[in-house]
C-alpha atoms as a PDB file:
ATOM      1  CA  UNK A   1      -2.330-126.649 -58.567  1.00  0.00           C
ATOM      2  CA  UNK A   2      -3.576-125.878 -55.366  1.00  0.00           C
ATOM      3  CA  UNK A   3      -6.401-123.034 -54.632  1.00  0.00           C
ATOM      4  CA  UNK A   4      -7.203-120.680 -52.184  1.00  0.00           C
ATOM      5  CA  UNK A   5      -9.612-121.178 -49.735  1.00  0.00           C
ATOM      6  CA  UNK A   6     -12.051-118.848 -51.493  1.00  0.00           C
ATOM      7  CA  UNK A   7     -10.881-120.395 -54.737  1.00  0.00           C
ATOM      8  CA  UNK A   8     -12.998-122.769 -56.819  1.00  0.00           C
ATOM      9  CA  UNK A   9     -11.713-125.875 -55.118  1.00  0.00           C
ATOM     10  CA  UNK A  10     -11.855-124.728 -51.469  1.00  0.00           C
ATOM     11  CA  UNK A  11     -15.030-122.967 -51.802  1.00  0.00           C
ATOM     12  CA  UNK A  12     -16.745-125.629 -49.312  1.00  0.00           C
ATOM     13  CA  UNK A  13     -19.976-125.019 -47.615  1.00  0.00           C
ATOM     14  CA  UNK A  14     -18.126-123.763 -44.460  1.00  0.00           C
ATOM     15  CA  UNK A  15     -16.076-121.376 -46.332  1.00  0.00           C
ATOM     16  CA  UNK A  16     -19.280-119.820 -47.909  1.00  0.00           C
ATOM     17  CA  UNK A  17     -21.164-119.692 -44.679  1.00  0.00           C
ATOM     18  CA  UNK A  18     -18.119-117.587 -43.171  1.00  0.00           C
ATOM     19  CA  UNK A  19     -18.123-115.325 -46.158  1.00  0.00           C
ATOM     20  CA  UNK A  20     -22.330-114.620 -45.678  1.00  0.00           C
ATOM     21  CA  UNK A  21     -21.915-114.219 -42.035  1.00  0.00           C
ATOM     22  CA  UNK A  22     -19.283-111.388 -42.995  1.00  0.00           C
ATOM     23  CA  UNK A  23     -21.532-109.639 -45.372  1.00  0.00           C
ATOM     24  CA  UNK A  24     -24.618-110.058 -43.232  1.00  0.00           C
ATOM     25  CA  UNK A  25     -22.365-108.638 -40.210  1.00  0.00           C
ATOM     26  CA  UNK A  26     -21.461-105.744 -42.531  1.00  0.00           C
ATOM     27  CA  UNK A  27     -24.835-104.777 -43.376  1.00  0.00           C
ATOM     28  CA  UNK A  28     -26.105-105.035 -39.964  1.00  0.00           C
ATOM     29  CA  UNK A  29     -23.326-102.468 -38.886  1.00  0.00           C
ATOM     30  CA  UNK A  30     -23.986-100.311 -41.682  1.00  0.00           C
ATOM     31  CA  UNK A  31     -27.822-100.279 -41.005  1.00  0.00           C
ATOM     32  CA  UNK A  32     -27.132 -99.649 -37.491  1.00  0.00           C
ATOM     33  CA  UNK A  33     -24.967 -96.463 -38.053  1.00  0.00           C
ATOM     34  CA  UNK A  34     -27.659 -95.322 -39.913  1.00  0.00           C
ATOM     35  CA  UNK A  35     -30.643 -96.110 -37.776  1.00  0.00           C
ATOM     36  CA  UNK A  36     -28.632 -94.526 -34.551  1.00  0.00           C
ATOM     37  CA  UNK A  37     -28.710 -91.374 -37.031  1.00  0.00           C
ATOM     38  CA  UNK A  38     -32.116 -91.223 -38.192  1.00  0.00           C
ATOM     39  CA  UNK A  39     -33.526 -92.089 -34.820  1.00  0.00           C
ATOM     40  CA  UNK A  40     -32.102 -89.037 -33.028  1.00  0.00           C
ATOM     41  CA  UNK A  41     -33.279 -88.018 -30.710  1.00  0.00           C
ATOM     42  CA  UNK A  42     -33.780 -91.426 -28.317  1.00  0.00           C
ATOM     43  CA  UNK A  43     -34.137 -89.827 -25.389  1.00  0.00           C
ATOM     44  CA  UNK A  44     -34.928 -85.961 -23.959  1.00  0.00           C
ATOM     45  CA  UNK A  45     -32.378 -82.872 -24.735  1.00  0.00           C
ATOM     46  CA  UNK A  46     -31.095 -80.972 -22.644  1.00  0.00           C
ATOM     47  CA  UNK A  47     -31.029 -77.012 -23.665  1.00  0.00           C
ATOM     48  CA  UNK A  48     -28.674 -75.118 -21.111  1.00  0.00           C
ATOM     49  CA  UNK A  49     -29.660 -71.638 -20.432  1.00  0.00           C
ATOM     50  CA  UNK A  50     -26.665 -69.688 -19.304  1.00  0.00           C
ATOM     51  CA  UNK A  51     -28.659 -67.237 -17.200  1.00  0.00           C
ATOM     52  CA  UNK A  52     -30.750 -67.483 -14.303  1.00  0.00           C
ATOM     53  CA  UNK A  53     -34.828 -68.232 -14.791  1.00  0.00           C
ATOM     54  CA  UNK A  54     -37.069 -65.178 -15.691  1.00  0.00           C
ATOM     55  CA  UNK A  55     -34.774 -63.089 -17.858  1.00  0.00           C
ATOM     56  CA  UNK A  56     -35.187 -62.879 -21.745  1.00  0.00           C
ATOM     57  CA  UNK A  57     -32.976 -65.910 -22.610  1.00  0.00           C
ATOM     58  CA  UNK A  58     -35.097 -67.971 -20.152  1.00  0.00           C
ATOM     59  CA  UNK A  59     -38.167 -66.955 -21.537  1.00  0.00           C
ATOM     60  CA  UNK A  60     -37.221 -67.330 -25.127  1.00  0.00           C
ATOM     61  CA  UNK A  61     -35.641 -70.914 -24.438  1.00  0.00           C
ATOM     62  CA  UNK A  62     -38.760 -72.200 -22.782  1.00  0.00           C
ATOM     63  CA  UNK A  63     -41.373 -70.650 -25.262  1.00  0.00           C
ATOM     64  CA  UNK A  64     -39.093 -72.837 -28.366  1.00  0.00           C
ATOM     65  CA  UNK A  65     -38.222 -75.597 -26.431  1.00  0.00           C
ATOM     66  CA  UNK A  66     -41.579 -76.779 -25.850  1.00  0.00           C
ATOM     67  CA  UNK A  67     -42.696 -76.848 -29.471  1.00  0.00           C
ATOM     68  CA  UNK A  68     -39.121 -78.647 -30.754  1.00  0.00           C
ATOM     69  CA  UNK A  69     -39.956 -81.352 -28.180  1.00  0.00           C
ATOM     70  CA  UNK A  70     -43.358 -81.645 -29.806  1.00  0.00           C
ATOM     71  CA  UNK A  71     -41.660 -81.708 -32.995  1.00  0.00           C
ATOM     72  CA  UNK A  72     -38.866 -84.015 -32.190  1.00  0.00           C
ATOM     73  CA  UNK A  73     -41.008 -86.595 -30.381  1.00  0.00           C
ATOM     74  CA  UNK A  74     -38.765 -86.158 -27.233  1.00  0.00           C
ATOM     75  CA  UNK A  75     -38.969 -83.428 -24.397  1.00  0.00           C
ATOM     76  CA  UNK A  76     -36.047 -80.524 -24.498  1.00  0.00           C
ATOM     77  CA  UNK A  77     -35.603 -79.784 -21.122  1.00  0.00           C
ATOM     78  CA  UNK A  78     -34.232 -76.311 -20.028  1.00  0.00           C
ATOM     79  CA  UNK A  79     -31.370 -76.493 -17.454  1.00  0.00           C
ATOM     80  CA  UNK A  80     -30.563 -72.979 -16.271  1.00  0.00           C
ATOM     81  CA  UNK A  81     -26.907 -72.835 -15.293  1.00  0.00           C
ATOM     82  CA  UNK A  82     -26.090 -69.283 -14.461  1.00  0.00           C
ATOM     83  CA  UNK A  83     -23.014 -67.459 -13.584  1.00  0.00           C
ATOM     84  CA  UNK A  84     -19.686 -65.805 -14.917  1.00  0.00           C
ATOM     85  CA  UNK A  85     -21.805 -63.672 -17.508  1.00  0.00           C
ATOM     86  CA  UNK A  86     -22.862 -66.735 -18.883  1.00  0.00           C
ATOM     87  CA  UNK A  87     -19.685 -68.149 -19.539  1.00  0.00           C
ATOM     88  CA  UNK A  88     -20.284 -71.123 -16.946  1.00  0.00           C
ATOM     89  CA  UNK A  89     -23.401 -72.808 -18.834  1.00  0.00           C
ATOM     90  CA  UNK A  90     -21.845 -72.198 -22.378  1.00  0.00           C
ATOM     91  CA  UNK A  91     -18.468 -73.911 -20.777  1.00  0.00           C
ATOM     92  CA  UNK A  92     -20.635 -76.894 -19.966  1.00  0.00           C
ATOM     93  CA  UNK A  93     -22.008 -77.271 -23.432  1.00  0.00           C
ATOM     94  CA  UNK A  94     -18.724 -76.922 -24.880  1.00  0.00           C
ATOM     95  CA  UNK A  95     -17.441 -79.773 -23.129  1.00  0.00           C
ATOM     96  CA  UNK A  96     -20.482 -81.928 -23.225  1.00  0.00           C
ATOM     97  CA  UNK A  97     -20.697 -85.111 -25.496  1.00  0.00           C
ATOM     98  CA  UNK A  98     -20.941 -84.049 -28.992  1.00  0.00           C
ATOM     99  CA  UNK A  99     -24.105 -86.031 -29.615  1.00  0.00           C
ATOM    100  CA  UNK A 100     -26.918 -83.613 -29.784  1.00  0.00           C
ATOM    101  CA  UNK A 101     -28.316 -84.463 -26.428  1.00  0.00           C
ATOM    102  CA  UNK A 102     -26.676 -81.025 -24.808  1.00  0.00           C
ATOM    103  CA  UNK A 103     -27.449 -77.692 -26.575  1.00  0.00           C
ATOM    104  CA  UNK A 104     -26.932 -74.093 -25.546  1.00  0.00           C
ATOM    105  CA  UNK A 105     -29.178 -70.943 -26.081  1.00  0.00           C
ATOM    106  CA  UNK A 106     -26.037 -68.832 -26.922  1.00  0.00           C
ATOM    107  CA  UNK A 107     -26.301 -65.243 -26.768  1.00  0.00           C
ATOM    108  CA  UNK A 108     -24.529 -62.174 -27.798  1.00  0.00           C
ATOM    109  CA  UNK A 109     -22.966 -62.619 -24.416  1.00  0.00           C
ATOM    110  CA  UNK A 110     -21.600 -65.970 -24.884  1.00  0.00           C
ATOM    111  CA  UNK A 111     -20.567 -65.943 -28.606  1.00  0.00           C
ATOM    112  CA  UNK A 112     -19.711 -62.228 -29.193  1.00  0.00           C
ATOM    113  CA  UNK A 113     -18.429 -60.611 -26.204  1.00  0.00           C
ATOM    114  CA  UNK A 114     -16.761 -63.324 -24.116  1.00  0.00           C
ATOM    115  CA  UNK A 115     -13.901 -63.836 -26.696  1.00  0.00           C
ATOM    116  CA  UNK A 116     -12.777 -60.317 -26.118  1.00  0.00           C
ATOM    117  CA  UNK A 117     -13.607 -59.360 -22.642  1.00  0.00           C
ATOM    118  CA  UNK A 118     -11.134 -62.241 -21.207  1.00  0.00           C
ATOM    119  CA  UNK A 119      -7.583 -62.432 -21.945  1.00  0.00           C
ATOM    120  CA  UNK A 120      -7.905 -66.361 -21.525  1.00  0.00           C
ATOM    121  CA  UNK A 121     -11.759 -66.834 -22.447  1.00  0.00           C
ATOM    122  CA  UNK A 122     -12.882 -70.330 -21.324  1.00  0.00           C
ATOM    123  CA  UNK A 123     -14.055 -71.414 -24.812  1.00  0.00           C
ATOM    124  CA  UNK A 124     -13.469 -70.298 -28.058  1.00  0.00           C
ATOM    125  CA  UNK A 125     -16.752 -69.397 -29.642  1.00  0.00           C
ATOM    126  CA  UNK A 126     -16.064 -70.457 -33.255  1.00  0.00           C
ATOM    127  CA  UNK A 127     -13.918 -73.703 -32.772  1.00  0.00           C
ATOM    128  CA  UNK A 128     -15.826 -74.966 -29.698  1.00  0.00           C
ATOM    129  CA  UNK A 129     -19.198 -75.015 -30.857  1.00  0.00           C
ATOM    130  CA  UNK A 130     -21.451 -76.195 -34.111  1.00  0.00           C
ATOM    131  CA  UNK A 131     -24.237 -73.455 -35.136  1.00  0.00           C
ATOM    132  CA  UNK A 132     -27.456 -74.854 -35.436  1.00  0.00           C
ATOM    133  CA  UNK A 133     -30.031 -71.820 -35.787  1.00  0.00           C
ATOM    134  CA  UNK A 134     -29.998 -68.064 -35.526  1.00  0.00           C
ATOM    135  CA  UNK A 135     -33.503 -67.573 -33.293  1.00  0.00           C
ATOM    136  CA  UNK A 136     -34.310 -63.894 -32.872  1.00  0.00           C
ATOM    137  CA  UNK A 137     -33.021 -60.520 -32.062  1.00  0.00           C
ATOM    138  CA  UNK A 138     -34.594 -58.495 -29.537  1.00  0.00           C
ATOM    139  CA  UNK A 139     -33.975 -54.688 -28.385  1.00  0.00           C
ATOM    140  CA  UNK A 140     -32.478 -53.765 -25.187  1.00  0.00           C
ATOM    141  CA  UNK A 141     -34.498 -51.282 -23.137  1.00  0.00           C
ATOM    142  CA  UNK A 142     -33.728 -48.330 -20.621  1.00  0.00           C
ATOM    143  CA  UNK A 143     -36.189 -48.287 -17.670  1.00  0.00           C
ATOM    144  CA  UNK A 144     -36.459 -46.912 -14.380  1.00  0.00           C
ATOM    145  CA  UNK A 145     -38.753 -47.683 -11.029  1.00  0.00           C
ATOM    146  CA  UNK A 146     -41.842 -45.836 -11.275  1.00  0.00           C
ATOM    147  CA  UNK A 147     -41.010 -44.031  -8.379  1.00  0.00           C
ATOM    148  CA  UNK A 148     -37.586 -42.589  -9.658  1.00  0.00           C
ATOM    149  CA  UNK A 149     -38.098 -38.929 -10.600  1.00  0.00           C
ATOM    150  CA  UNK A 150     -36.746 -38.916 -14.090  1.00  0.00           C
ATOM    151  CA  UNK A 151     -39.687 -39.107 -16.797  1.00  0.00           C
ATOM    152  CA  UNK A 152     -37.817 -39.407 -19.936  1.00  0.00           C
ATOM    153  CA  UNK A 153     -34.166 -40.033 -20.819  1.00  0.00           C
ATOM    154  CA  UNK A 154     -33.593 -36.196 -20.932  1.00  0.00           C
ATOM    155  CA  UNK A 155     -34.443 -36.002 -17.730  1.00  0.00           C
ATOM    156  CA  UNK A 156     -32.583 -38.693 -16.389  1.00  0.00           C
ATOM    157  CA  UNK A 157     -29.175 -37.221 -18.084  1.00  0.00           C
ATOM    158  CA  UNK A 158     -29.978 -34.371 -16.141  1.00  0.00           C
ATOM    159  CA  UNK A 159     -30.398 -35.820 -13.024  1.00  0.00           C
ATOM    160  CA  UNK A 160     -27.368 -38.311 -13.345  1.00  0.00           C
ATOM    161  CA  UNK A 161     -24.948 -34.945 -14.106  1.00  0.00           C
ATOM    162  CA  UNK A 162     -26.456 -33.001 -11.444  1.00  0.00           C
ATOM    163  CA  UNK A 163     -25.480 -36.057  -8.785  1.00  0.00           C
ATOM    164  CA  UNK A 164     -22.657 -37.814 -10.640  1.00  0.00           C
ATOM    165  CA  UNK A 165     -21.453 -41.304  -9.320  1.00  0.00           C
ATOM    166  CA  UNK A 166     -24.844 -41.023  -6.834  1.00  0.00           C
ATOM    167  CA  UNK A 167     -27.056 -43.572  -9.005  1.00  0.00           C
ATOM    168  CA  UNK A 168     -26.780 -46.999  -9.986  1.00  0.00           C
ATOM    169  CA  UNK A 169     -28.135 -49.479 -12.546  1.00  0.00           C
ATOM    170  CA  UNK A 170     -28.927 -53.122 -12.784  1.00  0.00           C
ATOM    171  CA  UNK A 171     -28.089 -55.305 -15.347  1.00  0.00           C
ATOM    172  CA  UNK A 172     -28.042 -59.230 -16.059  1.00  0.00           C
ATOM    173  CA  UNK A 173     -24.014 -59.503 -15.197  1.00  0.00           C
ATOM    174  CA  UNK A 174     -20.542 -58.217 -15.818  1.00  0.00           C
ATOM    175  CA  UNK A 175     -19.758 -58.495 -19.382  1.00  0.00           C
ATOM    176  CA  UNK A 176     -23.572 -59.245 -20.666  1.00  0.00           C
ATOM    177  CA  UNK A 177     -24.417 -56.951 -23.359  1.00  0.00           C
ATOM    178  CA  UNK A 178     -26.855 -55.222 -20.570  1.00  0.00           C
ATOM    179  CA  UNK A 179     -23.889 -53.818 -18.640  1.00  0.00           C
ATOM    180  CA  UNK A 180     -22.198 -52.785 -22.135  1.00  0.00           C
ATOM    181  CA  UNK A 181     -25.492 -51.199 -22.769  1.00  0.00           C
ATOM    182  CA  UNK A 182     -24.996 -49.147 -20.057  1.00  0.00           C
ATOM    183  CA  UNK A 183     -21.577 -48.207 -20.280  1.00  0.00           C
ATOM    184  CA  UNK A 184     -22.115 -47.033 -23.735  1.00  0.00           C
ATOM    185  CA  UNK A 185     -24.908 -44.864 -22.621  1.00  0.00           C
ATOM    186  CA  UNK A 186     -22.703 -43.433 -19.876  1.00  0.00           C
ATOM    187  CA  UNK A 187     -19.857 -42.674 -22.350  1.00  0.00           C
ATOM    188  CA  UNK A 188     -22.138 -41.024 -25.147  1.00  0.00           C
ATOM    189  CA  UNK A 189     -24.285 -39.109 -22.557  1.00  0.00           C
ATOM    190  CA  UNK A 190     -21.318 -37.782 -20.790  1.00  0.00           C
ATOM    191  CA  UNK A 191     -22.729 -39.213 -17.027  1.00  0.00           C
ATOM    192  CA  UNK A 192     -21.295 -41.127 -14.205  1.00  0.00           C
ATOM    193  CA  UNK A 193     -23.441 -44.266 -13.280  1.00  0.00           C
ATOM    194  CA  UNK A 194     -22.599 -47.362 -10.937  1.00  0.00           C
ATOM    195  CA  UNK A 195     -23.017 -50.849 -12.744  1.00  0.00           C
ATOM    196  CA  UNK A 196     -24.649 -53.253 -10.061  1.00  0.00           C
ATOM    197  CA  UNK A 197     -24.295 -56.756 -11.899  1.00  0.00           C
ATOM    198  CA  UNK A 198     -26.889 -59.430 -11.311  1.00  0.00           C
ATOM    199  CA  UNK A 199     -26.887 -63.402 -12.015  1.00  0.00           C
ATOM    200  CA  UNK A 200     -29.399 -62.692 -15.004  1.00  0.00           C
ATOM    201  CA  UNK A 201     -32.175 -60.406 -15.331  1.00  0.00           C
ATOM    202  CA  UNK A 202     -34.879 -62.352 -13.327  1.00  0.00           C
ATOM    203  CA  UNK A 203     -33.199 -60.765  -9.966  1.00  0.00           C
ATOM    204  CA  UNK A 204     -31.991 -57.837 -11.443  1.00  0.00           C
ATOM    205  CA  UNK A 205     -35.530 -56.899 -12.016  1.00  0.00           C
ATOM    206  CA  UNK A 206     -37.001 -57.709  -8.980  1.00  0.00           C
ATOM    207  CA  UNK A 207     -34.688 -55.452  -7.092  1.00  0.00           C
ATOM    208  CA  UNK A 208     -35.266 -52.588  -9.602  1.00  0.00           C
ATOM    209  CA  UNK A 209     -39.058 -53.211  -9.304  1.00  0.00           C
ATOM    210  CA  UNK A 210     -38.616 -53.322  -5.437  1.00  0.00           C
ATOM    211  CA  UNK A 211     -36.740 -49.820  -5.558  1.00  0.00           C
ATOM    212  CA  UNK A 212     -33.132 -51.169  -4.370  1.00  0.00           C
ATOM    213  CA  UNK A 213     -31.779 -50.211  -7.546  1.00  0.00           C
ATOM    214  CA  UNK A 214     -33.606 -47.467  -9.849  1.00  0.00           C
ATOM    215  CA  UNK A 215     -32.519 -47.616 -13.192  1.00  0.00           C
ATOM    216  CA  UNK A 216     -32.052 -50.976 -15.411  1.00  0.00           C
ATOM    217  CA  UNK A 217     -30.848 -51.762 -18.852  1.00  0.00           C
ATOM    218  CA  UNK A 218     -32.733 -54.893 -19.666  1.00  0.00           C
ATOM    219  CA  UNK A 219     -33.887 -57.186 -22.698  1.00  0.00           C
ATOM    220  CA  UNK A 220     -37.096 -56.164 -23.837  1.00  0.00           C
ATOM    221  CA  UNK A 221     -38.792 -59.353 -23.400  1.00  0.00           C
ATOM    222  CA  UNK A 222     -37.972 -60.136 -20.057  1.00  0.00           C
ATOM    223  CA  UNK A 223     -39.313 -56.285 -19.025  1.00  0.00           C
ATOM    224  CA  UNK A 224     -42.101 -56.310 -21.184  1.00  0.00           C
ATOM    225  CA  UNK A 225     -44.494 -57.522 -18.796  1.00  0.00           C
ATOM    226  CA  UNK A 226     -43.437 -55.674 -15.703  1.00  0.00           C
ATOM    227  CA  UNK A 227     -43.576 -52.254 -17.829  1.00  0.00           C
ATOM    228  CA  UNK A 228     -47.283 -53.033 -19.108  1.00  0.00           C
ATOM    229  CA  UNK A 229     -48.162 -53.836 -15.101  1.00  0.00           C
ATOM    230  CA  UNK A 230     -46.677 -50.623 -14.377  1.00  0.00           C
ATOM    231  CA  UNK A 231     -43.880 -51.895 -12.252  1.00  0.00           C
ATOM    232  CA  UNK A 232     -41.166 -50.419 -14.445  1.00  0.00           C
ATOM    233  CA  UNK A 233     -41.147 -47.045 -16.293  1.00  0.00           C
ATOM    234  CA  UNK A 234     -39.566 -47.622 -19.837  1.00  0.00           C
ATOM    235  CA  UNK A 235     -37.756 -44.496 -21.146  1.00  0.00           C
ATOM    236  CA  UNK A 236     -35.983 -45.863 -24.560  1.00  0.00           C
ATOM    237  CA  UNK A 237     -35.238 -49.070 -26.306  1.00  0.00           C
ATOM    238  CA  UNK A 238     -31.773 -49.241 -27.723  1.00  0.00           C
ATOM    239  CA  UNK A 239     -32.075 -50.124 -31.512  1.00  0.00           C
ATOM    240  CA  UNK A 240     -32.142 -48.088 -34.679  1.00  0.00           C
ATOM    241  CA  UNK A 241     -36.040 -48.629 -34.842  1.00  0.00           C
ATOM    242  CA  UNK A 242     -38.591 -48.414 -32.356  1.00  0.00           C
ATOM    243  CA  UNK A 243     -40.032 -51.826 -31.108  1.00  0.00           C
ATOM    244  CA  UNK A 244     -43.328 -53.252 -32.925  1.00  0.00           C
ATOM    245  CA  UNK A 245     -45.006 -54.011 -29.489  1.00  0.00           C
ATOM    246  CA  UNK A 246     -44.023 -50.296 -27.952  1.00  0.00           C
ATOM    247  CA  UNK A 247     -44.596 -48.245 -31.143  1.00  0.00           C
ATOM    248  CA  UNK A 248     -44.763 -45.213 -28.829  1.00  0.00           C
ATOM    249  CA  UNK A 249     -41.338 -45.695 -26.887  1.00  0.00           C
ATOM    250  CA  UNK A 250     -38.612 -43.614 -28.556  1.00  0.00           C
ATOM    251  CA  UNK A 251     -35.465 -45.037 -29.573  1.00  0.00           C
ATOM    252  CA  UNK A 252     -32.358 -43.897 -27.721  1.00  0.00           C
ATOM    253  CA  UNK A 253     -31.485 -41.610 -30.337  1.00  0.00           C
ATOM    254  CA  UNK A 254     -34.555 -40.134 -30.703  1.00  0.00           C
ATOM    255  CA  UNK A 255     -34.493 -39.313 -27.008  1.00  0.00           C
ATOM    256  CA  UNK A 256     -31.190 -37.262 -27.586  1.00  0.00           C
ATOM    257  CA  UNK A 257     -28.510 -39.830 -27.634  1.00  0.00           C
ATOM    258  CA  UNK A 258     -27.090 -39.532 -30.843  1.00  0.00           C
ATOM    259  CA  UNK A 259     -25.135 -42.872 -32.232  1.00  0.00           C
ATOM    260  CA  UNK A 260     -26.729 -45.268 -29.786  1.00  0.00           C
ATOM    261  CA  UNK A 261     -27.399 -48.386 -30.590  1.00  0.00           C
ATOM    262  CA  UNK A 262     -27.244 -51.967 -29.234  1.00  0.00           C
ATOM    263  CA  UNK A 263     -29.403 -55.125 -28.987  1.00  0.00           C
ATOM    264  CA  UNK A 264     -28.857 -58.853 -28.339  1.00  0.00           C
ATOM    265  CA  UNK A 265     -29.736 -61.992 -29.990  1.00  0.00           C
ATOM    266  CA  UNK A 266     -30.288 -65.775 -29.272  1.00  0.00           C
ATOM    267  CA  UNK A 267     -29.311 -68.942 -31.363  1.00  0.00           C
ATOM    268  CA  UNK A 268     -28.663 -72.760 -30.861  1.00  0.00           C
ATOM    269  CA  UNK A 269     -25.652 -74.370 -30.323  1.00  0.00           C
ATOM    270  CA  UNK A 270     -24.095 -77.767 -30.077  1.00  0.00           C
ATOM    271  CA  UNK A 271     -20.678 -78.923 -28.886  1.00  0.00           C
ATOM    272  CA  UNK A 272     -18.305 -78.682 -31.870  1.00  0.00           C
ATOM    273  CA  UNK A 273     -17.929 -82.338 -33.500  1.00  0.00           C
ATOM    274  CA  UNK A 274     -21.664 -83.014 -33.547  1.00  0.00           C
ATOM    275  CA  UNK A 275     -22.642 -85.301 -36.447  1.00  0.00           C
ATOM    276  CA  UNK A 276     -24.247 -82.952 -39.306  1.00  0.00           C
ATOM    277  CA  UNK A 277     -27.224 -85.306 -39.599  1.00  0.00           C
ATOM    278  CA  UNK A 278     -28.034 -84.631 -35.912  1.00  0.00           C
ATOM    279  CA  UNK A 279     -27.508 -80.741 -36.483  1.00  0.00           C
ATOM    280  CA  UNK A 280     -30.027 -80.880 -39.664  1.00  0.00           C
ATOM    281  CA  UNK A 281     -32.465 -82.491 -37.147  1.00  0.00           C
ATOM    282  CA  UNK A 282     -32.338 -79.726 -34.563  1.00  0.00           C
ATOM    283  CA  UNK A 283     -32.094 -77.076 -37.244  1.00  0.00           C
ATOM    284  CA  UNK A 284     -35.363 -78.376 -38.820  1.00  0.00           C
ATOM    285  CA  UNK A 285     -36.987 -78.451 -35.574  1.00  0.00           C
ATOM    286  CA  UNK A 286     -35.841 -75.213 -34.138  1.00  0.00           C
ATOM    287  CA  UNK A 287     -36.918 -73.448 -37.555  1.00  0.00           C
ATOM    288  CA  UNK A 288     -40.222 -75.493 -37.831  1.00  0.00           C
ATOM    289  CA  UNK A 289     -41.128 -74.126 -33.940  1.00  0.00           C
ATOM    290  CA  UNK A 290     -40.278 -70.512 -34.818  1.00  0.00           C
ATOM    291  CA  UNK A 291     -42.932 -70.793 -37.759  1.00  0.00           C
ATOM    292  CA  UNK A 292     -45.794 -72.134 -35.276  1.00  0.00           C
ATOM    293  CA  UNK A 293     -48.290 -69.193 -34.999  1.00  0.00           C
ATOM    294  CA  UNK A 294     -48.444 -69.707 -31.071  1.00  0.00           C
ATOM    295  CA  UNK A 295     -44.804 -69.502 -30.739  1.00  0.00           C
ATOM    296  CA  UNK A 296     -44.256 -66.698 -33.010  1.00  0.00           C
ATOM    297  CA  UNK A 297     -46.911 -64.475 -31.313  1.00  0.00           C
ATOM    298  CA  UNK A 298     -45.510 -65.224 -28.006  1.00  0.00           C
ATOM    299  CA  UNK A 299     -42.152 -63.699 -29.432  1.00  0.00           C
ATOM    300  CA  UNK A 300     -43.435 -61.074 -31.100  1.00  0.00           C
ATOM    301  CA  UNK A 301     -45.352 -59.964 -27.910  1.00  0.00           C
ATOM    302  CA  UNK A 302     -42.680 -59.526 -25.951  1.00  0.00           C
ATOM    303  CA  UNK A 303     -40.484 -57.408 -28.749  1.00  0.00           C
ATOM    304  CA  UNK A 304     -38.220 -60.127 -30.466  1.00  0.00           C
ATOM    305  CA  UNK A 305     -37.657 -60.237 -34.266  1.00  0.00           C
ATOM    306  CA  UNK A 306     -38.196 -63.871 -35.410  1.00  0.00           C
ATOM    307  CA  UNK A 307     -35.083 -64.930 -37.591  1.00  0.00           C
ATOM    308  CA  UNK A 308     -34.330 -68.074 -38.072  1.00  0.00           C
ATOM    309  CA  UNK A 309     -31.494 -69.373 -40.178  1.00  0.00           C
ATOM    310  CA  UNK A 310     -29.218 -72.405 -41.520  1.00  0.00           C
ATOM    311  CA  UNK A 311     -26.149 -73.490 -39.448  1.00  0.00           C
ATOM    312  CA  UNK A 312     -23.883 -71.496 -42.234  1.00  0.00           C
ATOM    313  CA  UNK A 313     -25.887 -68.513 -41.413  1.00  0.00           C
ATOM    314  CA  UNK A 314     -25.487 -68.507 -37.669  1.00  0.00           C
ATOM    315  CA  UNK A 315     -21.473 -69.301 -38.084  1.00  0.00           C
ATOM    316  CA  UNK A 316     -21.239 -66.031 -40.178  1.00  0.00           C
ATOM    317  CA  UNK A 317     -23.304 -63.937 -37.718  1.00  0.00           C
ATOM    318  CA  UNK A 318     -21.163 -64.919 -34.972  1.00  0.00           C
ATOM    319  CA  UNK A 319     -18.015 -63.859 -36.865  1.00  0.00           C
ATOM    320  CA  UNK A 320     -19.452 -60.891 -37.703  1.00  0.00           C
ATOM    321  CA  UNK A 321     -20.340 -59.977 -34.077  1.00  0.00           C
ATOM    322  CA  UNK A 322     -17.020 -60.901 -32.377  1.00  0.00           C
ATOM    323  CA  UNK A 323     -15.685 -58.423 -35.103  1.00  0.00           C
ATOM    324  CA  UNK A 324     -18.115 -55.904 -34.360  1.00  0.00           C
ATOM    325  CA  UNK A 325     -18.068 -55.590 -30.562  1.00  0.00           C
ATOM    326  CA  UNK A 326     -14.175 -56.058 -30.149  1.00  0.00           C
ATOM    327  CA  UNK A 327     -13.035 -52.651 -30.966  1.00  0.00           C
ATOM    328  CA  UNK A 328     -16.391 -51.376 -28.343  1.00  0.00           C
ATOM    329  CA  UNK A 329     -15.040 -53.274 -25.249  1.00  0.00           C
ATOM    330  CA  UNK A 330     -11.273 -52.498 -25.978  1.00  0.00           C
ATOM    331  CA  UNK A 331     -12.228 -48.593 -26.547  1.00  0.00           C
ATOM    332  CA  UNK A 332     -14.269 -48.961 -23.303  1.00  0.00           C
ATOM    333  CA  UNK A 333     -11.528 -50.662 -21.382  1.00  0.00           C
ATOM    334  CA  UNK A 334     -13.540 -53.647 -19.896  1.00  0.00           C
ATOM    335  CA  UNK A 335     -11.941 -56.574 -18.721  1.00  0.00           C
ATOM    336  CA  UNK A 336     -13.435 -59.404 -16.931  1.00  0.00           C
ATOM    337  CA  UNK A 337     -10.400 -60.910 -15.721  1.00  0.00           C
END
């Protein structure tokens, strides 16, 4: 009776060596996969900011990225890719390799508004991204150039009604939450005001401070220093509650615009398909960074409310925000096509 190669008679030194080699190769392959995942990151991580330098999203990204780099043991490099209301930078990340080395500082603009502003959105905020961590929420602020005659919201409304369509307001771009903040203000206050879009908050602030545009809706973090320096006069915050760093600044509702409330938020996203182990490492680094005293103080000083979350909570938040803003955008008739 003949035995097979690995039967008792055929179990020669040659076949034993082949079997041992196969076992070692399989073990080596398994170890390599585990090592690749556990070793992340082995090179710098690029954090794409889909807006110009100097704005609120850029500020938050740079504060958080530096500390995340310290925690991960590799630099987290901020790369500004402004354009199309945040969609340009977000599209870059959506198409990037799902390895964790290219991630996005997402916002309400990229992950709540874009889906409703375009008949054919450049990406799906749910299907094309893997949530990492919801970082912060921030109030928006209505501010004017210090030379502008209106000293408060009531005076501003009166001036706009006296000269409809004569005054302009700046925002960080078409279809951004700041654009929508201005549209909602015009609707609820019953005024006509012309929107001037910029490629980010930084350039918008420069022109309002310089007097080229008199009024701005901006994120409070990026407007904080100009307000404190007297380069802007803040009239109201857009949230339901007053901002902790400007306790004397009224809310829009307190200033006389009933039913008004807007805000924005920042969160980290990776391309869809990024391994769960990599997402977990990025999430842990982001949440640890937010707990750092220096990071937390810097964010709070600018008016941000720190959140920190699991990927699952961020995913639920994105779905809820898309549903919340869709009827607002449709009612306002805003389309970016």
